[in-house]
Amino acid sequence: MKKTRIFITGIAGFLGSHLAKWALSNNYEVLGADNLSLGHKKNIPKGVQFYEYDILDLEKNNLYLKDVDIVFHSAGYPYDNFSLYSPFKVVQNTFSTTASVLSASISNHVKRFIYCSSMSRYGDNKSPFTEDMSPKPLTPYAVAKTAGENLIKSLAQAHDFEYVICIPHNIFGPQQVYNDPYRNAVSLIANQMLNNKPPLIYGDGAQKRAFTPVQDLIPLFPKLLFWEKAKNQTINIGPDEEVINLNDLIKILNGILSKNLKPFYKPFRQQEVKTAICSAKKSRELLGYKKAISLKTALKELVGWIQQQGPSYFSYHQKPEIDKDYFPVNWKQKIL
């Protein structure tokens, strides 16, 4: 019997590599692409048919998506606030890549296309964000993610394929990049503290979030990929429990690390949303979502994994297209 073939974009990244591991362990055939600009080859589990190329390349997408049943599109440039200063690069690697993979998926008769959108689509809507809210993107990254959703819906009407738009938010856990200063707040803060550095907070630290351990997402993979209930749905993926502000997150990490590092504060970044929490009601009702692990336990696992890898100094590898006086201080002065 022919195995179901799953193609994962961004397979060397955080979410893509976790999906690949799950899919292989459940006897699916796994293929994937990554240009390794943000991901790491060591994340790709053995058994994956891996193609190293840039998914902007439509010709290669058409070649490698032959006989694929399901596409899980998790690749992109997850630089929300940074996209205000590098709109061209971020939009190209978020929206144009989606258009290329989607075109090849339709040409190759892929049955279902799963798209990882972003909580930033909601902008400054009132929390908790629900899927029926009109998107109010505030950054070029959020605009590109929202445009990707609209493109998928438009083409699904024309070409009759299944899609799922999932909105994972504030995910953290093992295999996540922790030395990229432009993303991944939880991992960045943990890395700073493991380096015995006081953690940097933009604003007053009262920003409220509900962080998502990657362990919460793994049980949802088969439902997103195969369930009829998920077909043509837009679904928040992550908790609306254990809401916490950044100051209290640092207190928990201090307890785990037996430290007493006080954060230092810099002005709010432009267009940062103070309270950003997604409702999990639809996910609970449609997919049976429930928290798999407590926030504190997941933070302990993340800290242990970073300790195993070795804490690292930040790598300021992205050069902004637009350099203004109000460019966030850490990115400008490289103070961490």
Protein backbone atom coordinates (compact mmCIF):
# COMPACT_ATOMS: atom_id res chain seq x y z
CA MET A 1 0.00 0.00 0.00
CA LYS A 2 1.34 3.42 -0.97
CA LYS A 3 2.40 5.59 1.95
CA THR A 4 0.96 9.08 2.30
CA ARG A 5 3.60 11.56 1.13
CA ILE A 6 3.93 14.71 3.22
CA PHE A 7 6.03 17.64 2.00
CA ILE A 8 7.21 20.12 4.64
CA THR A 9 8.61 23.54 3.81
CA GLY A 10 11.02 24.92 6.41
CA ILE A 11 11.79 21.37 7.48
CA ALA A 12 15.08 22.38 9.12
CA GLY A 13 13.24 24.92 11.25
CA PHE A 14 11.54 24.58 14.58
CA LEU A 15 7.97 23.54 13.77
CA GLY A 16 8.82 21.78 10.51
CA SER A 17 11.39 19.50 12.15
CA HIS A 18 8.98 18.52 14.94
CA LEU A 19 6.31 17.65 12.36
CA ALA A 20 8.84 15.61 10.36
CA LYS A 21 9.80 13.59 13.45
CA TRP A 22 6.14 12.89 14.23
CA ALA A 23 5.30 11.94 10.63
CA LEU A 24 8.23 9.52 10.33
CA SER A 25 7.34 7.86 13.63
CA ASN A 26 3.83 7.30 12.24
CA ASN A 27 5.09 5.67 9.06
CA TYR A 28 4.45 8.48 6.59
CA GLU A 29 6.83 9.28 3.76
CA VAL A 30 8.37 12.66 4.53
CA LEU A 31 9.93 15.05 2.04
CA GLY A 32 11.02 18.57 2.77
CA ALA A 33 12.73 21.71 1.59
CA ASP A 34 14.79 24.35 3.34
CA ASN A 35 17.43 26.82 2.19
CA LEU A 36 19.06 26.66 5.66
CA SER A 37 19.11 30.46 5.99
CA LEU A 38 17.26 30.26 9.30
CA GLY A 39 17.04 26.53 10.01
CA HIS A 40 19.71 23.96 10.85
CA LYS A 41 20.40 20.72 9.03
CA LYS A 42 20.96 18.94 12.35
CA ASN A 43 17.23 19.43 13.10
CA ILE A 44 16.17 17.25 10.17
CA PRO A 45 15.49 13.69 11.37
CA LYS A 46 16.96 10.70 9.59
CA GLY A 47 14.59 9.25 7.04
CA VAL A 48 13.54 12.56 5.48
CA GLN A 49 14.00 13.04 1.75
CA PHE A 50 15.58 16.49 2.01
CA TYR A 51 16.02 19.06 -0.74
CA GLU A 52 18.17 22.11 -0.05
CA TYR A 53 16.91 25.00 -2.15
CA ASP A 54 14.99 28.26 -1.93
CA ILE A 55 11.25 27.67 -2.21
CA LEU A 56 10.87 30.87 -4.22
CA ASP A 57 12.04 28.62 -7.07
CA LEU A 58 8.80 27.55 -8.77
CA GLU A 59 10.53 25.14 -11.15
CA LYS A 60 12.07 23.17 -8.28
CA ASN A 61 8.84 23.24 -6.31
CA ASN A 62 7.06 21.70 -9.29
CA LEU A 63 9.77 19.05 -9.57
CA TYR A 64 9.84 17.99 -5.91
CA LEU A 65 6.10 18.13 -5.26
CA LYS A 66 5.29 15.38 -7.76
CA ASP A 67 3.05 12.69 -6.23
CA VAL A 68 2.84 14.57 -2.91
CA ASP A 69 -0.44 14.20 -1.00
CA ILE A 70 -0.15 16.90 1.65
CA VAL A 71 1.91 20.10 1.91
CA PHE A 72 2.65 21.63 5.30
CA HIS A 73 3.94 25.13 4.64
CA SER A 74 5.83 26.35 7.70
CA ALA A 75 8.70 28.17 5.95
CA GLY A 76 8.96 31.93 6.09
CA TYR A 77 10.82 34.82 7.69
CA PRO A 78 9.25 35.06 11.16
CA TYR A 79 10.43 38.62 11.76
CA ASP A 80 7.38 40.53 12.89
CA ASN A 81 8.75 43.78 14.33
CA PHE A 82 11.95 43.58 12.29
CA SER A 83 9.84 43.60 9.11
CA LEU A 84 9.16 47.30 9.75
CA TYR A 85 12.81 47.83 8.85
CA SER A 86 13.23 45.09 6.21
CA PRO A 87 9.86 44.97 4.45
CA PHE A 88 11.10 43.81 1.05
CA LYS A 89 13.08 40.80 2.26
CA VAL A 90 10.52 39.69 4.84
CA VAL A 91 7.52 40.04 2.53
CA GLN A 92 9.30 38.26 -0.33
CA ASN A 93 10.24 35.37 1.94
CA THR A 94 6.78 35.18 3.48
CA PHE A 95 4.22 35.96 0.75
CA SER A 96 6.08 35.21 -2.51
CA THR A 97 7.32 31.87 -1.18
CA THR A 98 3.74 30.96 -0.32
CA ALA A 99 2.59 31.83 -3.83
CA SER A 100 5.33 29.66 -5.35
CA VAL A 101 4.67 26.59 -3.17
CA LEU A 102 0.92 26.98 -3.59
CA SER A 103 1.16 27.19 -7.38
CA ALA A 104 3.25 24.02 -7.51
CA SER A 105 0.90 22.27 -5.08
CA ILE A 106 -2.10 22.97 -7.31
CA SER A 107 -0.23 21.92 -10.46
CA ASN A 108 0.71 18.64 -8.79
CA HIS A 109 -2.82 17.95 -7.49
CA VAL A 110 -1.90 18.09 -3.80
CA LYS A 111 -4.97 17.15 -1.77
CA ARG A 112 -4.49 19.39 1.28
CA PHE A 113 -2.39 22.52 1.86
CA ILE A 114 -1.71 23.45 5.50
CA TYR A 115 -0.55 27.02 5.99
CA CYS A 116 1.07 28.35 9.15
CA SER A 117 -0.13 31.89 9.58
CA SER A 118 0.69 34.19 12.51
CA MET A 119 -1.08 35.70 15.50
CA SER A 120 0.20 39.05 14.25
CA ARG A 121 -2.67 38.93 11.70
CA TYR A 122 -4.97 40.11 14.51
CA GLY A 123 -3.00 43.30 15.20
CA ASP A 124 -4.58 45.39 17.94
CA ASN A 125 -7.95 43.63 17.96
CA LYS A 126 -9.28 43.09 21.47
CA SER A 127 -7.94 39.94 23.15
CA PRO A 128 -8.68 37.11 23.24
CA PHE A 129 -8.48 36.94 19.45
CA THR A 130 -11.09 34.78 17.74
CA GLU A 131 -10.91 33.44 14.21
CA ASP A 132 -13.98 35.38 13.06
CA MET A 133 -12.29 38.74 13.74
CA SER A 134 -11.25 40.79 10.73
CA PRO A 135 -7.43 40.80 10.52
CA LYS A 136 -5.77 44.12 11.38
CA PRO A 137 -2.11 43.52 10.48
CA LEU A 138 0.24 46.24 11.77
CA THR A 139 3.57 45.09 10.33
CA PRO A 140 4.74 44.05 6.84
CA TYR A 141 5.20 40.48 8.14
CA ALA A 142 1.60 40.40 9.38
CA VAL A 143 0.39 41.92 6.09
CA ALA A 144 2.26 39.20 4.15
CA LYS A 145 0.87 36.40 6.32
CA THR A 146 -2.67 37.71 5.94
CA ALA A 147 -2.21 38.10 2.19
CA GLY A 148 -1.08 34.47 2.07
CA GLU A 149 -4.34 33.41 3.71
CA ASN A 150 -6.36 35.38 1.16
CA LEU A 151 -4.38 33.90 -1.72
CA ILE A 152 -5.06 30.36 -0.49
CA LYS A 153 -8.80 30.98 -0.16
CA SER A 154 -8.99 32.56 -3.60
CA LEU A 155 -7.16 29.72 -5.32
CA ALA A 156 -9.04 27.03 -3.37
CA GLN A 157 -12.28 28.41 -4.80
CA ALA A 158 -10.85 28.29 -8.32
CA HIS A 159 -9.05 24.94 -8.15
CA ASP A 160 -10.95 22.93 -5.52
CA PHE A 161 -8.27 21.76 -3.10
CA GLU A 162 -8.45 21.43 0.69
CA TYR A 163 -6.67 23.85 2.94
CA VAL A 164 -6.19 24.51 6.64
CA ILE A 165 -4.98 27.86 7.95
CA CYS A 166 -3.50 27.27 11.37
CA ILE A 167 -2.38 30.10 13.62
CA PRO A 168 0.26 28.84 16.04
CA HIS A 169 1.34 31.56 18.46
CA ASN A 170 4.33 32.18 20.71
CA ILE A 171 5.63 28.64 20.28
CA PHE A 172 8.74 27.63 22.18
CA GLY A 173 10.66 24.48 23.01
CA PRO A 174 13.65 22.29 22.11
CA GLN A 175 15.18 22.81 18.65
CA GLN A 176 14.18 26.46 18.57
CA VAL A 177 16.75 29.08 17.57
CA TYR A 178 17.80 30.99 20.68
CA ASN A 179 20.59 33.26 19.41
CA ASP A 180 18.63 35.23 16.79
CA PRO A 181 17.82 38.61 18.37
CA TYR A 182 14.96 39.30 15.98
CA ARG A 183 12.56 36.52 17.09
CA ASN A 184 11.52 33.89 19.68
CA ALA A 185 11.09 35.91 22.88
CA VAL A 186 11.04 33.01 25.36
CA SER A 187 14.14 31.32 23.96
CA LEU A 188 16.01 34.62 23.68
CA ILE A 189 15.27 35.56 27.29
CA ALA A 190 16.27 32.11 28.52
CA ASN A 191 19.53 32.30 26.55
CA GLN A 192 20.36 35.73 27.97
CA MET A 193 19.80 34.48 31.50
CA LEU A 194 21.84 31.32 30.93
CA ASN A 195 24.65 33.65 29.86
CA ASN A 196 24.16 35.39 33.23
CA LYS A 197 23.01 38.52 31.43
CA PRO A 198 20.09 40.63 32.66
CA PRO A 199 17.23 40.09 30.20
CA LEU A 200 16.22 42.97 27.95
CA ILE A 201 12.57 44.00 27.80
CA TYR A 202 11.14 46.54 25.40
CA GLY A 203 8.48 48.50 27.26
CA ASP A 204 7.43 47.94 30.86
CA GLY A 205 7.23 44.13 30.82
CA ALA A 206 3.47 44.17 31.40
CA GLN A 207 2.79 42.83 27.87
CA LYS A 208 0.48 39.83 28.25
CA ARG A 209 0.91 36.65 26.28
CA ALA A 210 -0.10 32.97 26.37
CA PHE A 211 2.99 31.01 25.34
CA THR A 212 2.66 27.70 23.48
CA PRO A 213 4.93 24.76 24.33
CA VAL A 214 5.63 22.82 21.15
CA GLN A 215 4.48 19.70 23.03
CA ASP A 216 0.93 21.12 22.87
CA LEU A 217 1.01 21.10 19.07
CA ILE A 218 2.24 17.58 18.36
CA PRO A 219 -1.11 15.84 19.16
CA LEU A 220 -2.79 18.21 16.68
CA PHE A 221 -0.64 17.29 13.68
CA PRO A 222 -2.79 14.34 12.49
CA LYS A 223 -5.96 16.40 12.88
CA LEU A 224 -4.62 19.31 10.83
CA LEU A 225 -3.32 16.97 8.15
CA PHE A 226 -6.22 14.56 7.84
CA TRP A 227 -9.38 15.43 9.72
CA GLU A 228 -12.44 16.38 7.70
CA LYS A 229 -13.43 18.75 10.52
CA ALA A 230 -10.33 20.86 9.85
CA LYS A 231 -10.99 21.16 6.10
CA ASN A 232 -11.06 24.78 4.87
CA GLN A 233 -10.92 26.12 8.42
CA THR A 234 -8.89 28.86 10.06
CA ILE A 235 -7.89 27.71 13.55
CA ASN A 236 -5.89 29.23 16.40
CA ILE A 237 -3.40 26.68 17.69
CA GLY A 238 -2.20 27.23 21.24
CA PRO A 239 -3.45 27.96 24.75
CA ASP A 240 -5.50 30.76 26.19
CA GLU A 241 -4.59 29.53 29.67
CA GLU A 242 -1.67 30.52 31.92
CA VAL A 243 -1.69 34.08 30.57
CA ILE A 244 1.47 35.78 31.79
CA ASN A 245 3.35 39.02 31.38
CA LEU A 246 7.05 39.25 30.55
CA ASN A 247 8.05 40.36 34.04
CA ASP A 248 6.45 37.25 35.56
CA LEU A 249 7.99 35.04 32.85
CA ILE A 250 11.41 36.25 33.98
CA LYS A 251 10.52 35.51 37.62
CA ILE A 252 9.71 31.89 36.67
CA LEU A 253 12.97 31.55 34.73
CA ASN A 254 14.91 33.00 37.67
CA GLY A 255 13.36 30.30 39.87
CA ILE A 256 14.26 27.52 37.42
CA LEU A 257 17.83 28.81 37.09
CA SER A 258 18.27 29.71 40.79
CA LYS A 259 19.21 33.24 39.74
CA ASN A 260 18.02 36.74 40.58
CA LEU A 261 18.61 38.59 37.33
CA LYS A 262 16.70 41.85 37.07
CA PRO A 263 15.47 42.85 33.62
CA PHE A 264 16.52 46.14 32.09
CA TYR A 265 14.01 48.14 30.11
CA LYS A 266 14.12 50.04 26.84
CA PRO A 267 11.31 51.95 25.07
CA PHE A 268 8.46 50.00 23.49
CA ARG A 269 9.13 48.89 19.95
CA GLN A 270 6.98 50.41 17.24
CA GLN A 271 3.51 48.96 16.79
CA GLU A 272 3.93 46.29 19.45
CA VAL A 273 0.62 44.99 20.80
CA LYS A 274 0.31 45.17 24.59
CA THR A 275 -2.05 42.22 25.07
CA ALA A 276 -2.02 39.44 22.48
CA ILE A 277 -3.86 36.25 23.41
CA CYS A 278 -5.64 33.88 21.03
CA SER A 279 -8.84 32.12 22.00
CA ALA A 280 -8.53 28.31 21.94
CA LYS A 281 -12.32 27.77 21.94
CA LYS A 282 -12.58 26.74 18.28
CA SER A 283 -9.56 24.46 18.55
CA ARG A 284 -11.06 22.75 21.61
CA GLU A 285 -14.44 22.26 19.93
CA LEU A 286 -13.15 21.27 16.49
CA LEU A 287 -9.94 19.37 17.27
CA GLY A 288 -10.24 18.42 20.94
CA TYR A 289 -7.27 20.63 21.78
CA LYS A 290 -6.01 20.63 25.36
CA LYS A 291 -2.82 21.66 27.05
CA ALA A 292 -0.29 18.83 27.15
CA ILE A 293 2.22 20.40 29.52
CA SER A 294 2.36 23.24 32.03
CA LEU A 295 4.22 26.44 31.23
CA LYS A 296 6.77 25.92 34.02
CA THR A 297 7.51 22.32 32.99
CA ALA A 298 7.93 23.36 29.36
CA LEU A 299 10.27 26.19 30.38
CA LYS A 300 12.37 23.69 32.37
CA GLU A 301 12.65 21.48 29.28
CA LEU A 302 13.66 24.44 27.12
CA VAL A 303 16.31 25.55 29.62
CA GLY A 304 17.69 22.00 29.85
CA TRP A 305 17.91 21.76 26.06
CA ILE A 306 19.72 25.11 25.72
CA GLN A 307 22.15 24.02 28.45
CA GLN A 308 22.87 20.84 26.49
CA GLN A 309 23.51 22.80 23.29
CA GLY A 310 25.47 25.49 25.11
CA PRO A 311 24.24 29.07 25.62
CA SER A 312 25.28 31.40 22.83
CA TYR A 313 25.81 35.08 22.15
CA PHE A 314 23.42 36.66 19.71
CA SER A 315 24.12 36.56 15.98
CA TYR A 316 23.20 39.87 14.35
CA HIS A 317 22.95 38.34 10.89
CA GLN A 318 20.18 40.48 9.40
CA LYS A 319 20.99 43.91 8.01
CA PRO A 320 17.97 46.24 7.96
CA GLU A 321 16.90 47.82 4.68
CA ILE A 322 15.68 50.88 6.60
CA ASP A 323 17.92 52.14 9.42
CA LYS A 324 16.25 54.82 11.52
CA ASP A 325 17.22 56.49 14.77
CA TYR A 326 14.41 54.61 16.53
CA PHE A 327 15.64 51.19 15.34
CA PRO A 328 15.41 49.05 18.53
CA VAL A 329 18.46 49.62 20.67
CA ASN A 330 19.69 46.03 20.93
CA TRP A 331 19.54 45.55 17.17
CA LYS A 332 21.30 48.87 16.57
CA GLN A 333 23.96 48.76 19.29
CA LYS A 334 24.24 44.96 19.60
CA ILE A 335 24.32 45.28 23.37
CA LEU A 336 23.64 41.61 24.10
